């Protein structure tokens, strides 16, 4: 069982940084929020 609670913050930030290199800030922010919401279910 993966503990998403402990890794959620790091994973969200990591994905956000990855998208910041390729897309606009607003889009990366949306992706970040979607990932956080998805992992927090």
Protein backbone atom coordinates (compact mmCIF):
# COMPACT_ATOMS: atom_id res chain seq x y z
CA UNK A 1 0.00 0.00 0.00
CA UNK A 2 1.43 3.34 -1.05
CA UNK A 3 1.16 6.10 1.55
CA UNK A 4 -0.04 8.97 -0.62
CA UNK A 5 -0.41 11.15 2.46
CA UNK A 6 3.35 11.48 2.96
CA UNK A 7 4.34 11.56 -0.71
CA UNK A 8 1.52 13.76 -1.96
CA UNK A 9 3.22 17.08 -1.26
CA UNK A 10 6.52 16.11 -2.84
CA UNK A 11 4.89 14.48 -5.85
CA UNK A 12 2.65 17.49 -6.45
CA UNK A 13 5.58 19.89 -6.27
CA UNK A 14 7.73 17.70 -8.50
CA UNK A 15 5.04 17.47 -11.18
CA UNK A 16 4.39 21.20 -10.90
CA UNK A 17 8.09 21.95 -11.49
CA UNK A 18 8.20 19.57 -14.45
CA UNK A 19 5.27 21.34 -16.11
CA UNK A 20 6.65 24.79 -15.29
CA UNK A 21 9.46 24.04 -17.74
CA UNK A 22 7.06 23.27 -20.59
CA UNK A 23 3.76 25.11 -20.16
CA UNK A 24 2.39 28.39 -18.85
CA UNK A 25 2.25 29.01 -15.10
CA UNK A 26 -1.55 28.93 -15.04
CA UNK A 27 -1.64 25.57 -16.78
CA UNK A 28 1.01 24.11 -14.47
CA UNK A 29 -0.95 25.39 -11.48
CA UNK A 30 -4.11 23.69 -12.76
CA UNK A 31 -2.23 20.43 -13.32
CA UNK A 32 -0.77 20.69 -9.82
CA UNK A 33 -4.20 21.16 -8.24
CA UNK A 34 -5.68 18.29 -10.25
CA UNK A 35 -2.88 15.98 -9.11
CA UNK A 36 -3.29 17.01 -5.47
CA UNK A 37 -7.05 16.47 -5.61
CA UNK A 38 -6.64 13.12 -7.35
CA UNK A 39 -4.12 11.81 -4.82
CA UNK A 40 -6.09 13.09 -1.82
CA UNK A 41 -9.21 11.05 -2.63
